Amino acid sequence: MASLVSTHFVLQLLFAFSLFHISLATRKLNELVQDQPNTLLQYHNGPLLSGKIQINLIWYGKFKPSQRAIIADFVTSLSSSQSNSQPSVATWWKTTEKYYHLTKPRKHPSPSFSLGKQILDESYSLGKSLTQKQIVRIASKGDQRNAVNVVLTASDVTVDGFCMSRCGTHGSSKGAQIDGKTYKFAYIWVGNSETQCPGQCAWPFHQPIYGPQSPALIAPNNDVGVDGMVISLAGLLAGTATNPFGNGFYQGPADGPLEAASACPGMYAKGSYPGYPGDLLVDPTTGASYNANGANGRKYLVPALFDPATSSCSTMV
């Protein structure tokens, strides 16, 4: 994870050494510090995700059907045909397309995401305490070509670095041979922080552990842990599309890069500042805060993305 540049020097020291010596990126734990970049994320000439890509969801541990539906509907929402209400998740996702226009010659058409397989591992086949290698092993259960395999761990599963330095990661790994060729496949891991560290990984739907204290907002799908997972998944999907194999768009060190979403920590709407996510929309019926509409009438909170056209962090509202 990239070091945090802020006046909160103690927090900087706490997280600056949270680096992983494999190809991955993290959702920063401390989203209370905003350090908006003023330079374009550098393109390192590697491939971006392109074409038709299935998002396979691998559920590790016990999740309620209602929880699985929240995440599945979010993935479906990435398609422009699934949400007519604005602002929408699909419109948010279109910001990533601007990165594809910057590859010269434009050899990478932007990807078309769809919901793929859902794999349940409710028996905790590798136990309830996982290493990064085991996360990759679980991710390899999904299709390894034209796919992103997303491992979602339940609230009673611990993962190396979870809550200490990260809320989720993305990376890539070599898979099995397919038609005589070995492909790299992209994967994402996101943990449910409901019981382990909601103040770190489910903010702003839980009071933060660090920094300015403000009242927690009401989660749009009435599930603090899973709505927090959506925030992490959204940002990691943006990083996966634009830097899937560690040589796409990023700034800083390759093992702790700033990417499309992680370059804009803690920003969700206009008027945001450290400890305040911004002037979000509020559902008049439930009082829940959100900034994007999704499929099946869902509402979500998605992070700001770095817009390469304006060299600034772009929010939905």
C-alpha atoms as a PDB file:
ATOM      1  CA  MET A   1       0.000   0.000   0.000  1.00  0.00           C
ATOM      2  CA  ALA A   2       1.276   3.435  -0.813  1.00  0.00           C
ATOM      3  CA  SER A   3       2.422   5.616   2.028  1.00  0.00           C
ATOM      4  CA  LEU A   4      -0.008   8.301   3.118  1.00  0.00           C
ATOM      5  CA  VAL A   5       1.140  11.899   2.602  1.00  0.00           C
ATOM      6  CA  SER A   6      -0.501  14.080   5.259  1.00  0.00           C
ATOM      7  CA  THR A   7       0.024  16.177   8.308  1.00  0.00           C
ATOM      8  CA  HIS A   8      -1.002  13.175  10.368  1.00  0.00           C
ATOM      9  CA  PHE A   9       2.574  11.933  10.559  1.00  0.00           C
ATOM     10  CA  VAL A  10       1.803   9.144  13.018  1.00  0.00           C
ATOM     11  CA  LEU A  11      -0.719   7.653  10.621  1.00  0.00           C
ATOM     12  CA  GLN A  12       1.820   7.984   7.847  1.00  0.00           C
ATOM     13  CA  LEU A  13       4.339   5.924   9.757  1.00  0.00           C
ATOM     14  CA  LEU A  14       1.691   3.378  10.698  1.00  0.00           C
ATOM     15  CA  PHE A  15       0.804   2.573   7.124  1.00  0.00           C
ATOM     16  CA  ALA A  16       3.906   3.446   5.129  1.00  0.00           C
ATOM     17  CA  PHE A  17       5.455   0.014   5.586  1.00  0.00           C
ATOM     18  CA  SER A  18       2.351  -1.909   4.522  1.00  0.00           C
ATOM     19  CA  LEU A  19       3.783  -3.050   1.195  1.00  0.00           C
ATOM     20  CA  PHE A  20       3.309  -6.394  -0.487  1.00  0.00           C
ATOM     21  CA  HIS A  21       5.990  -7.896  -2.709  1.00  0.00           C
ATOM     22  CA  ILE A  22       3.522  -9.250  -5.236  1.00  0.00           C
ATOM     23  CA  SER A  23       1.503  -7.625  -7.991  1.00  0.00           C
ATOM     24  CA  LEU A  24      -1.465  -6.116  -6.203  1.00  0.00           C
ATOM     25  CA  ALA A  25      -3.042  -2.886  -5.037  1.00  0.00           C
ATOM     26  CA  THR A  26      -4.993  -2.137  -1.893  1.00  0.00           C
ATOM     27  CA  ARG A  27      -7.877  -0.061  -0.721  1.00  0.00           C
ATOM     28  CA  LYS A  28      -6.309   2.260   1.834  1.00  0.00           C
ATOM     29  CA  LEU A  29      -7.522   1.880   5.384  1.00  0.00           C
ATOM     30  CA  ASN A  30      -7.130   5.538   6.189  1.00  0.00           C
ATOM     31  CA  GLU A  31      -9.596   7.318   3.944  1.00  0.00           C
ATOM     32  CA  LEU A  32      -9.660  10.311   6.239  1.00  0.00           C
ATOM     33  CA  VAL A  33      -6.566  11.796   4.602  1.00  0.00           C
ATOM     34  CA  GLN A  34      -6.972  13.237   1.138  1.00  0.00           C
ATOM     35  CA  ASP A  35      -3.966  13.927  -1.017  1.00  0.00           C
ATOM     36  CA  GLN A  36      -5.367  14.608  -4.447  1.00  0.00           C
ATOM     37  CA  PRO A  37      -2.754  14.039  -7.153  1.00  0.00           C
ATOM     38  CA  ASN A  38      -2.096  16.798  -9.657  1.00  0.00           C
ATOM     39  CA  THR A  39      -0.311  14.713 -12.241  1.00  0.00           C
ATOM     40  CA  LEU A  40      -1.598  12.141 -14.657  1.00  0.00           C
ATOM     41  CA  LEU A  41      -1.251   8.537 -13.581  1.00  0.00           C
ATOM     42  CA  GLN A  42       1.604   7.179 -15.645  1.00  0.00           C
ATOM     43  CA  TYR A  43       1.015   4.487 -18.255  1.00  0.00           C
ATOM     44  CA  HIS A  44       3.618   1.725 -18.088  1.00  0.00           C
ATOM     45  CA  ASN A  45       2.766   0.220 -21.512  1.00  0.00           C
ATOM     46  CA  GLY A  46       1.223  -2.991 -20.204  1.00  0.00           C
ATOM     47  CA  PRO A  47      -2.115  -4.540 -21.208  1.00  0.00           C
ATOM     48  CA  LEU A  48      -5.416  -3.337 -19.792  1.00  0.00           C
ATOM     49  CA  LEU A  49      -8.478  -5.492 -19.392  1.00  0.00           C
ATOM     50  CA  SER A  50     -10.491  -5.439 -22.589  1.00  0.00           C
ATOM     51  CA  GLY A  51     -13.285  -7.253 -24.373  1.00  0.00           C
ATOM     52  CA  LYS A  52     -16.074  -9.172 -22.691  1.00  0.00           C
ATOM     53  CA  ILE A  53     -15.082  -9.901 -19.088  1.00  0.00           C
ATOM     54  CA  GLN A  54     -17.039 -11.990 -16.626  1.00  0.00           C
ATOM     55  CA  ILE A  55     -16.896 -11.081 -12.945  1.00  0.00           C
ATOM     56  CA  ASN A  56     -16.980 -14.366 -11.027  1.00  0.00           C
ATOM     57  CA  LEU A  57     -17.916 -14.095  -7.349  1.00  0.00           C
ATOM     58  CA  ILE A  58     -16.368 -16.636  -4.994  1.00  0.00           C
ATOM     59  CA  TRP A  59     -18.059 -16.527  -1.598  1.00  0.00           C
ATOM     60  CA  TYR A  60     -15.754 -17.858   1.120  1.00  0.00           C
ATOM     61  CA  GLY A  61     -17.608 -18.513   4.357  1.00  0.00           C
ATOM     62  CA  LYS A  62     -21.223 -17.897   5.226  1.00  0.00           C
ATOM     63  CA  PHE A  63     -23.114 -15.065   3.572  1.00  0.00           C
ATOM     64  CA  LYS A  64     -26.862 -14.517   3.618  1.00  0.00           C
ATOM     65  CA  PRO A  65     -28.610 -14.651   0.243  1.00  0.00           C
ATOM     66  CA  SER A  66     -29.543 -10.991   0.739  1.00  0.00           C
ATOM     67  CA  GLN A  67     -25.862 -10.106   1.148  1.00  0.00           C
ATOM     68  CA  ARG A  68     -24.883 -11.965  -1.983  1.00  0.00           C
ATOM     69  CA  ALA A  69     -27.626 -10.135  -3.876  1.00  0.00           C
ATOM     70  CA  ILE A  70     -26.211  -6.717  -2.897  1.00  0.00           C
ATOM     71  CA  ILE A  71     -22.819  -7.528  -4.432  1.00  0.00           C
ATOM     72  CA  ALA A  72     -24.240  -9.348  -7.456  1.00  0.00           C
ATOM     73  CA  ASP A  73     -26.542  -6.428  -8.253  1.00  0.00           C
ATOM     74  CA  PHE A  74     -23.596  -4.049  -8.007  1.00  0.00           C
ATOM     75  CA  VAL A  75     -21.648  -6.022 -10.610  1.00  0.00           C
ATOM     76  CA  THR A  76     -24.719  -6.051 -12.852  1.00  0.00           C
ATOM     77  CA  SER A  77     -25.028  -2.284 -12.349  1.00  0.00           C
ATOM     78  CA  LEU A  78     -21.723  -1.689 -14.168  1.00  0.00           C
ATOM     79  CA  SER A  79     -23.570  -2.229 -17.439  1.00  0.00           C
ATOM     80  CA  SER A  80     -25.283   0.884 -18.778  1.00  0.00           C
ATOM     81  CA  SER A  81     -28.374  -1.128 -19.700  1.00  0.00           C
ATOM     82  CA  GLN A  82     -29.164  -1.975 -16.099  1.00  0.00           C
ATOM     83  CA  SER A  83     -29.801   1.413 -14.502  1.00  0.00           C
ATOM     84  CA  ASN A  84     -31.812   4.265 -15.973  1.00  0.00           C
ATOM     85  CA  SER A  85     -31.764   6.499 -12.895  1.00  0.00           C
ATOM     86  CA  GLN A  86     -28.988   9.061 -12.678  1.00  0.00           C
ATOM     87  CA  PRO A  87     -26.446   9.306 -11.233  1.00  0.00           C
ATOM     88  CA  SER A  88     -25.751   5.650 -11.928  1.00  0.00           C
ATOM     89  CA  VAL A  89     -23.041   3.091 -11.253  1.00  0.00           C
ATOM     90  CA  ALA A  90     -22.666   2.671 -15.024  1.00  0.00           C
ATOM     91  CA  THR A  91     -21.968   6.397 -15.470  1.00  0.00           C
ATOM     92  CA  TRP A  92     -19.402   6.230 -12.668  1.00  0.00           C
ATOM     93  CA  TRP A  93     -17.701   3.333 -14.439  1.00  0.00           C
ATOM     94  CA  LYS A  94     -17.400   5.283 -17.695  1.00  0.00           C
ATOM     95  CA  THR A  95     -14.620   7.361 -16.150  1.00  0.00           C
ATOM     96  CA  THR A  96     -12.348   4.318 -16.499  1.00  0.00           C
ATOM     97  CA  GLU A  97     -12.905   4.381 -20.277  1.00  0.00           C
ATOM     98  CA  LYS A  98     -10.873   7.594 -20.478  1.00  0.00           C
ATOM     99  CA  TYR A  99      -7.744   5.627 -19.608  1.00  0.00           C
ATOM    100  CA  TYR A 100      -8.223   3.461 -22.662  1.00  0.00           C
ATOM    101  CA  HIS A 101      -8.185   6.519 -24.930  1.00  0.00           C
ATOM    102  CA  LEU A 102      -4.676   7.291 -23.669  1.00  0.00           C
ATOM    103  CA  THR A 103      -3.064   4.073 -24.901  1.00  0.00           C
ATOM    104  CA  LYS A 104      -1.398   4.796 -28.245  1.00  0.00           C
ATOM    105  CA  PRO A 105      -2.182   3.310 -30.572  1.00  0.00           C
ATOM    106  CA  ARG A 106      -5.496   2.598 -28.913  1.00  0.00           C
ATOM    107  CA  LYS A 107      -5.012  -1.144 -28.740  1.00  0.00           C
ATOM    108  CA  HIS A 108      -7.191  -1.819 -25.705  1.00  0.00           C
ATOM    109  CA  PRO A 109     -10.944  -1.390 -26.152  1.00  0.00           C
ATOM    110  CA  SER A 110     -12.616  -0.793 -22.805  1.00  0.00           C
ATOM    111  CA  PRO A 111     -14.051  -3.940 -21.198  1.00  0.00           C
ATOM    112  CA  SER A 112     -17.670  -4.979 -21.031  1.00  0.00           C
ATOM    113  CA  PHE A 113     -18.310  -6.479 -17.595  1.00  0.00           C
ATOM    114  CA  SER A 114     -21.043  -8.968 -16.801  1.00  0.00           C
ATOM    115  CA  LEU A 115     -21.894 -11.119 -13.808  1.00  0.00           C
ATOM    116  CA  GLY A 116     -20.379 -14.560 -14.239  1.00  0.00           C
ATOM    117  CA  LYS A 117     -20.418 -17.600 -11.991  1.00  0.00           C
ATOM    118  CA  GLN A 118     -21.066 -17.546  -8.273  1.00  0.00           C
ATOM    119  CA  ILE A 119     -19.120 -20.159  -6.332  1.00  0.00           C
ATOM    120  CA  LEU A 120     -19.996 -20.922  -2.706  1.00  0.00           C
ATOM    121  CA  ASP A 121     -17.435 -22.213  -0.221  1.00  0.00           C
ATOM    122  CA  GLU A 122     -19.496 -22.229   2.960  1.00  0.00           C
ATOM    123  CA  SER A 123     -17.405 -24.984   4.546  1.00  0.00           C
ATOM    124  CA  TYR A 124     -14.292 -22.795   4.916  1.00  0.00           C
ATOM    125  CA  SER A 125     -12.267 -25.320   2.905  1.00  0.00           C
ATOM    126  CA  LEU A 126      -8.938 -23.683   3.820  1.00  0.00           C
ATOM    127  CA  GLY A 127      -9.898 -22.664   7.345  1.00  0.00           C
ATOM    128  CA  LYS A 128     -10.837 -19.311   8.828  1.00  0.00           C
ATOM    129  CA  SER A 129      -7.366 -17.741   8.759  1.00  0.00           C
ATOM    130  CA  LEU A 130      -6.019 -17.181   5.258  1.00  0.00           C
ATOM    131  CA  THR A 131      -2.698 -16.164   3.752  1.00  0.00           C
ATOM    132  CA  GLN A 132      -2.312 -14.248   0.501  1.00  0.00           C
ATOM    133  CA  LYS A 133      -1.265 -17.448  -1.254  1.00  0.00           C
ATOM    134  CA  GLN A 134      -4.468 -19.107  -0.108  1.00  0.00           C
ATOM    135  CA  ILE A 135      -6.497 -16.173  -1.426  1.00  0.00           C
ATOM    136  CA  VAL A 136      -4.930 -16.754  -4.859  1.00  0.00           C
ATOM    137  CA  ARG A 137      -5.669 -20.474  -4.550  1.00  0.00           C
ATOM    138  CA  ILE A 138      -9.325 -19.721  -3.850  1.00  0.00           C
ATOM    139  CA  ALA A 139      -9.422 -17.197  -6.699  1.00  0.00           C
ATOM    140  CA  SER A 140      -8.143 -19.840  -9.108  1.00  0.00           C
ATOM    141  CA  LYS A 141     -11.431 -21.741  -8.699  1.00  0.00           C
ATOM    142  CA  GLY A 142     -13.039 -19.307 -11.117  1.00  0.00           C
ATOM    143  CA  ASP A 143     -12.549 -19.166 -14.869  1.00  0.00           C
ATOM    144  CA  GLN A 144      -9.076 -17.960 -15.732  1.00  0.00           C
ATOM    145  CA  ARG A 145      -9.649 -16.497 -19.166  1.00  0.00           C
ATOM    146  CA  ASN A 146     -11.664 -13.348 -19.946  1.00  0.00           C
ATOM    147  CA  ALA A 147     -12.597 -13.120 -16.296  1.00  0.00           C
ATOM    148  CA  VAL A 148     -11.893 -11.397 -13.000  1.00  0.00           C
ATOM    149  CA  ASN A 149     -12.264 -13.705 -10.014  1.00  0.00           C
ATOM    150  CA  VAL A 150     -13.464 -11.920  -6.888  1.00  0.00           C
ATOM    151  CA  VAL A 151     -12.923 -13.632  -3.524  1.00  0.00           C
ATOM    152  CA  LEU A 152     -15.265 -12.316  -0.829  1.00  0.00           C
ATOM    153  CA  THR A 153     -14.471 -13.485   2.699  1.00  0.00           C
ATOM    154  CA  ALA A 154     -17.089 -13.606   5.448  1.00  0.00           C
ATOM    155  CA  SER A 155     -16.929 -11.529   8.617  1.00  0.00           C
ATOM    156  CA  ASP A 156     -15.488 -14.414  10.666  1.00  0.00           C
ATOM    157  CA  VAL A 157     -12.553 -14.993   8.301  1.00  0.00           C
ATOM    158  CA  THR A 158      -9.183 -13.346   8.955  1.00  0.00           C
ATOM    159  CA  VAL A 159      -6.757 -12.636   6.126  1.00  0.00           C
ATOM    160  CA  ASP A 160      -3.115 -11.580   6.374  1.00  0.00           C
ATOM    161  CA  GLY A 161      -3.019  -7.805   6.605  1.00  0.00           C
ATOM    162  CA  PHE A 162      -6.799  -7.389   6.846  1.00  0.00           C
ATOM    163  CA  CYS A 163      -7.673  -4.464   9.134  1.00  0.00           C
ATOM    164  CA  MET A 164      -3.982  -3.839   9.828  1.00  0.00           C
ATOM    165  CA  SER A 165      -3.081  -2.414   6.443  1.00  0.00           C
ATOM    166  CA  ARG A 166      -5.796  -3.154   3.923  1.00  0.00           C
ATOM    167  CA  CYS A 167      -9.482  -3.748   3.262  1.00  0.00           C
ATOM    168  CA  GLY A 168      -8.979  -5.560  -0.031  1.00  0.00           C
ATOM    169  CA  THR A 169      -6.452  -6.215  -2.762  1.00  0.00           C
ATOM    170  CA  HIS A 170      -6.195  -6.932  -6.441  1.00  0.00           C
ATOM    171  CA  GLY A 171      -3.471  -8.725  -8.300  1.00  0.00           C
ATOM    172  CA  SER A 172      -2.770 -11.373 -10.900  1.00  0.00           C
ATOM    173  CA  SER A 173      -1.470 -14.915 -10.995  1.00  0.00           C
ATOM    174  CA  LYS A 174      -0.532 -17.527 -13.551  1.00  0.00           C
ATOM    175  CA  GLY A 175      -3.292 -20.034 -14.034  1.00  0.00           C
ATOM    176  CA  ALA A 176      -3.571 -23.498 -15.464  1.00  0.00           C
ATOM    177  CA  GLN A 177      -2.867 -24.182 -19.120  1.00  0.00           C
ATOM    178  CA  ILE A 178      -5.800 -23.550 -21.443  1.00  0.00           C
ATOM    179  CA  ASP A 179      -5.494 -24.832 -25.019  1.00  0.00           C
ATOM    180  CA  GLY A 180      -1.783 -25.262 -24.494  1.00  0.00           C
ATOM    181  CA  LYS A 181      -1.255 -21.706 -23.251  1.00  0.00           C
ATOM    182  CA  THR A 182      -0.759 -20.379 -19.744  1.00  0.00           C
ATOM    183  CA  TYR A 183      -2.725 -17.217 -19.045  1.00  0.00           C
ATOM    184  CA  LYS A 184      -2.433 -14.702 -16.277  1.00  0.00           C
ATOM    185  CA  PHE A 185      -5.732 -14.145 -14.556  1.00  0.00           C
ATOM    186  CA  ALA A 186      -6.780 -11.124 -12.540  1.00  0.00           C
ATOM    187  CA  TYR A 187      -8.255 -11.491  -9.091  1.00  0.00           C
ATOM    188  CA  ILE A 188      -9.662  -9.329  -6.319  1.00  0.00           C
ATOM    189  CA  TRP A 189     -10.092 -10.037  -2.636  1.00  0.00           C
ATOM    190  CA  VAL A 190     -12.410  -8.067  -0.353  1.00  0.00           C
ATOM    191  CA  GLY A 191     -13.144  -8.860   3.294  1.00  0.00           C
ATOM    192  CA  ASN A 192     -16.325  -8.235   5.267  1.00  0.00           C
ATOM    193  CA  SER A 193     -15.229  -5.870   8.034  1.00  0.00           C
ATOM    194  CA  GLU A 194     -18.526  -5.838   9.960  1.00  0.00           C
ATOM    195  CA  THR A 195     -17.113  -7.383  13.136  1.00  0.00           C
ATOM    196  CA  GLN A 196     -13.364  -6.984  12.664  1.00  0.00           C
ATOM    197  CA  CYS A 197     -12.782  -3.353  11.688  1.00  0.00           C
ATOM    198  CA  PRO A 198     -15.875  -1.460  10.492  1.00  0.00           C
ATOM    199  CA  GLY A 199     -14.312   1.788  11.659  1.00  0.00           C
ATOM    200  CA  GLN A 200     -11.557   1.265   9.114  1.00  0.00           C
ATOM    201  CA  CYS A 201     -13.091  -0.557   6.163  1.00  0.00           C
ATOM    202  CA  ALA A 202     -16.790   0.379   6.359  1.00  0.00           C
ATOM    203  CA  TRP A 203     -16.391   4.139   6.861  1.00  0.00           C
ATOM    204  CA  PRO A 204     -18.443   6.303   6.396  1.00  0.00           C
ATOM    205  CA  PHE A 205     -21.093   3.806   7.507  1.00  0.00           C
ATOM    206  CA  HIS A 206     -19.297   3.404  10.825  1.00  0.00           C
ATOM    207  CA  GLN A 207     -17.442   5.930  12.936  1.00  0.00           C
ATOM    208  CA  PRO A 208     -13.753   5.991  12.022  1.00  0.00           C
ATOM    209  CA  ILE A 209     -11.081   4.695  14.360  1.00  0.00           C
ATOM    210  CA  TYR A 210      -8.694   7.486  13.390  1.00  0.00           C
ATOM    211  CA  GLY A 211      -9.031  11.154  12.652  1.00  0.00           C
ATOM    212  CA  PRO A 212     -12.018  13.479  13.007  1.00  0.00           C
ATOM    213  CA  GLN A 213     -15.079  11.833  14.525  1.00  0.00           C
ATOM    214  CA  SER A 214     -18.376  12.329  12.754  1.00  0.00           C
ATOM    215  CA  PRO A 215     -21.666  10.432  13.006  1.00  0.00           C
ATOM    216  CA  ALA A 216     -21.895   7.271  10.941  1.00  0.00           C
ATOM    217  CA  LEU A 217     -24.076   7.448   7.853  1.00  0.00           C
ATOM    218  CA  ILE A 218     -26.891   5.014   7.155  1.00  0.00           C
ATOM    219  CA  ALA A 219     -25.802   2.306   4.697  1.00  0.00           C
ATOM    220  CA  PRO A 220     -27.860   2.266   1.474  1.00  0.00           C
ATOM    221  CA  ASN A 221     -28.503  -1.479   1.604  1.00  0.00           C
ATOM    222  CA  ASN A 222     -28.820  -1.595   5.389  1.00  0.00           C
ATOM    223  CA  ASP A 223     -25.706  -3.728   5.777  1.00  0.00           C
ATOM    224  CA  VAL A 224     -22.649  -1.881   7.094  1.00  0.00           C
ATOM    225  CA  GLY A 225     -20.242  -4.715   6.322  1.00  0.00           C
ATOM    226  CA  VAL A 226     -21.425  -5.466   2.795  1.00  0.00           C
ATOM    227  CA  ASP A 227     -21.967  -1.836   1.807  1.00  0.00           C
ATOM    228  CA  GLY A 228     -18.369  -1.306   2.911  1.00  0.00           C
ATOM    229  CA  MET A 229     -17.361  -4.245   0.720  1.00  0.00           C
ATOM    230  CA  VAL A 230     -19.029  -2.543  -2.260  1.00  0.00           C
ATOM    231  CA  ILE A 231     -16.841   0.540  -1.757  1.00  0.00           C
ATOM    232  CA  SER A 232     -13.703  -1.604  -1.722  1.00  0.00           C
ATOM    233  CA  LEU A 233     -14.824  -3.766  -4.649  1.00  0.00           C
ATOM    234  CA  ALA A 234     -15.689  -0.718  -6.759  1.00  0.00           C
ATOM    235  CA  GLY A 235     -12.277   0.858  -6.306  1.00  0.00           C
ATOM    236  CA  LEU A 236     -10.437  -2.414  -6.852  1.00  0.00           C
ATOM    237  CA  LEU A 237     -12.387  -3.120 -10.046  1.00  0.00           C
ATOM    238  CA  ALA A 238     -11.273   0.276 -11.370  1.00  0.00           C
ATOM    239  CA  GLY A 239      -7.680  -0.568 -10.469  1.00  0.00           C
ATOM    240  CA  THR A 240      -7.981  -4.029 -11.995  1.00  0.00           C
ATOM    241  CA  ALA A 241      -9.299  -2.714 -15.313  1.00  0.00           C
ATOM    242  CA  THR A 242      -6.635  -0.012 -15.682  1.00  0.00           C
ATOM    243  CA  ASN A 243      -3.701  -1.828 -14.044  1.00  0.00           C
ATOM    244  CA  PRO A 244      -4.505  -5.556 -14.109  1.00  0.00           C
ATOM    245  CA  PHE A 245      -0.964  -6.961 -14.245  1.00  0.00           C
ATOM    246  CA  GLY A 246       1.079  -4.276 -12.527  1.00  0.00           C
ATOM    247  CA  ASN A 247       2.205  -2.478 -15.688  1.00  0.00           C
ATOM    248  CA  GLY A 248      -0.816  -0.379 -16.624  1.00  0.00           C
ATOM    249  CA  PHE A 249      -1.808   3.021 -15.206  1.00  0.00           C
ATOM    250  CA  TYR A 250      -0.442   3.894 -11.787  1.00  0.00           C
ATOM    251  CA  GLN A 251       1.736   6.361  -9.939  1.00  0.00           C
ATOM    252  CA  GLY A 252       4.494   5.596  -7.449  1.00  0.00           C
ATOM    253  CA  PRO A 253       6.059   2.242  -6.543  1.00  0.00           C
ATOM    254  CA  ALA A 254       4.730  -0.818  -8.388  1.00  0.00           C
ATOM    255  CA  ASP A 255       4.208  -2.759  -5.136  1.00  0.00           C
ATOM    256  CA  GLY A 256       2.249   0.087  -3.567  1.00  0.00           C
ATOM    257  CA  PRO A 257       0.740   2.070  -6.429  1.00  0.00           C
ATOM    258  CA  LEU A 258      -1.761   4.875  -6.561  1.00  0.00           C
ATOM    259  CA  GLU A 259      -4.429   3.844  -9.054  1.00  0.00           C
ATOM    260  CA  ALA A 260      -7.684   5.190 -10.447  1.00  0.00           C
ATOM    261  CA  ALA A 261      -9.545   4.979  -7.119  1.00  0.00           C
ATOM    262  CA  SER A 262      -6.785   4.812  -4.507  1.00  0.00           C
ATOM    263  CA  ALA A 263      -5.480   8.149  -5.825  1.00  0.00           C
ATOM    264  CA  CYS A 264      -8.644   9.755  -4.413  1.00  0.00           C
ATOM    265  CA  PRO A 265      -8.993   8.395  -0.849  1.00  0.00           C
ATOM    266  CA  GLY A 266     -12.017   9.321   1.241  1.00  0.00           C
ATOM    267  CA  MET A 267     -13.751  11.272  -1.533  1.00  0.00           C
ATOM    268  CA  TYR A 268     -17.322  10.429  -2.493  1.00  0.00           C
ATOM    269  CA  ALA A 269     -19.020  13.748  -3.284  1.00  0.00           C
ATOM    270  CA  LYS A 270     -18.349  17.455  -3.723  1.00  0.00           C
ATOM    271  CA  GLY A 271     -17.338  19.301  -0.596  1.00  0.00           C
ATOM    272  CA  SER A 272     -15.423  16.364   0.865  1.00  0.00           C
ATOM    273  CA  TYR A 273     -12.559  16.976   3.277  1.00  0.00           C
ATOM    274  CA  PRO A 274     -10.639  14.739   5.707  1.00  0.00           C
ATOM    275  CA  GLY A 275     -13.209  12.895   7.788  1.00  0.00           C
ATOM    276  CA  TYR A 276     -16.160  14.071   5.668  1.00  0.00           C
ATOM    277  CA  PRO A 277     -17.149  12.058   2.563  1.00  0.00           C
ATOM    278  CA  GLY A 278     -18.869  14.987   0.844  1.00  0.00           C
ATOM    279  CA  ASP A 279     -22.395  16.176   0.193  1.00  0.00           C
ATOM    280  CA  LEU A 280     -24.009  12.843  -0.597  1.00  0.00           C
ATOM    281  CA  LEU A 281     -27.531  12.128  -1.754  1.00  0.00           C
ATOM    282  CA  VAL A 282     -29.924  10.964   0.959  1.00  0.00           C
ATOM    283  CA  ASP A 283     -32.820   8.590   0.385  1.00  0.00           C
ATOM    284  CA  PRO A 284     -35.935  10.373   1.722  1.00  0.00           C
ATOM    285  CA  THR A 285     -37.497   7.115   2.870  1.00  0.00           C
ATOM    286  CA  THR A 286     -34.612   5.332   4.566  1.00  0.00           C
ATOM    287  CA  GLY A 287     -32.277   8.227   5.336  1.00  0.00           C
ATOM    288  CA  ALA A 288     -29.445   6.261   3.725  1.00  0.00           C
ATOM    289  CA  SER A 289     -26.553   8.070   2.048  1.00  0.00           C
ATOM    290  CA  TYR A 290     -25.470   7.159  -1.485  1.00  0.00           C
ATOM    291  CA  ASN A 291     -24.114   8.618  -4.721  1.00  0.00           C
ATOM    292  CA  ALA A 292     -25.099   6.124  -7.429  1.00  0.00           C
ATOM    293  CA  ASN A 293     -28.166   4.204  -8.514  1.00  0.00           C
ATOM    294  CA  GLY A 294     -27.872   0.578  -9.552  1.00  0.00           C
ATOM    295  CA  ALA A 295     -29.768  -2.386 -10.899  1.00  0.00           C
ATOM    296  CA  ASN A 296     -33.004  -3.573  -9.292  1.00  0.00           C
ATOM    297  CA  GLY A 297     -33.556  -0.239  -7.587  1.00  0.00           C
ATOM    298  CA  ARG A 298     -30.346  -0.490  -5.561  1.00  0.00           C
ATOM    299  CA  LYS A 299     -28.394   2.479  -4.269  1.00  0.00           C
ATOM    300  CA  TYR A 300     -24.649   2.376  -3.679  1.00  0.00           C
ATOM    301  CA  LEU A 301     -21.735   4.456  -2.476  1.00  0.00           C
ATOM    302  CA  VAL A 302     -18.844   4.401  -4.948  1.00  0.00           C
ATOM    303  CA  PRO A 303     -15.461   6.124  -4.550  1.00  0.00           C
ATOM    304  CA  ALA A 304     -14.203   9.071  -6.556  1.00  0.00           C
ATOM    305  CA  LEU A 305     -12.046   8.147  -9.545  1.00  0.00           C
ATOM    306  CA  PHE A 306      -9.048  10.010 -10.861  1.00  0.00           C
ATOM    307  CA  ASP A 307     -10.121  11.521 -14.181  1.00  0.00           C
ATOM    308  CA  PRO A 308      -7.132  11.579 -16.577  1.00  0.00           C
ATOM    309  CA  ALA A 309      -8.854  14.146 -18.763  1.00  0.00           C
ATOM    310  CA  THR A 310      -8.931  16.752 -15.992  1.00  0.00           C
ATOM    311  CA  SER A 311      -6.108  15.429 -13.737  1.00  0.00           C
ATOM    312  CA  SER A 312      -8.484  15.625 -10.793  1.00  0.00           C
ATOM    313  CA  CYS A 313     -10.654  13.385  -8.652  1.00  0.00           C
ATOM    314  CA  SER A 314     -14.123  13.057 -10.117  1.00  0.00           C
ATOM    315  CA  THR A 315     -17.180  12.392  -7.950  1.00  0.00           C
ATOM    316  CA  MET A 316     -20.655  11.380  -8.986  1.00  0.00           C
ATOM    317  CA  VAL A 317     -22.452  14.128  -7.058  1.00  0.00           C
END
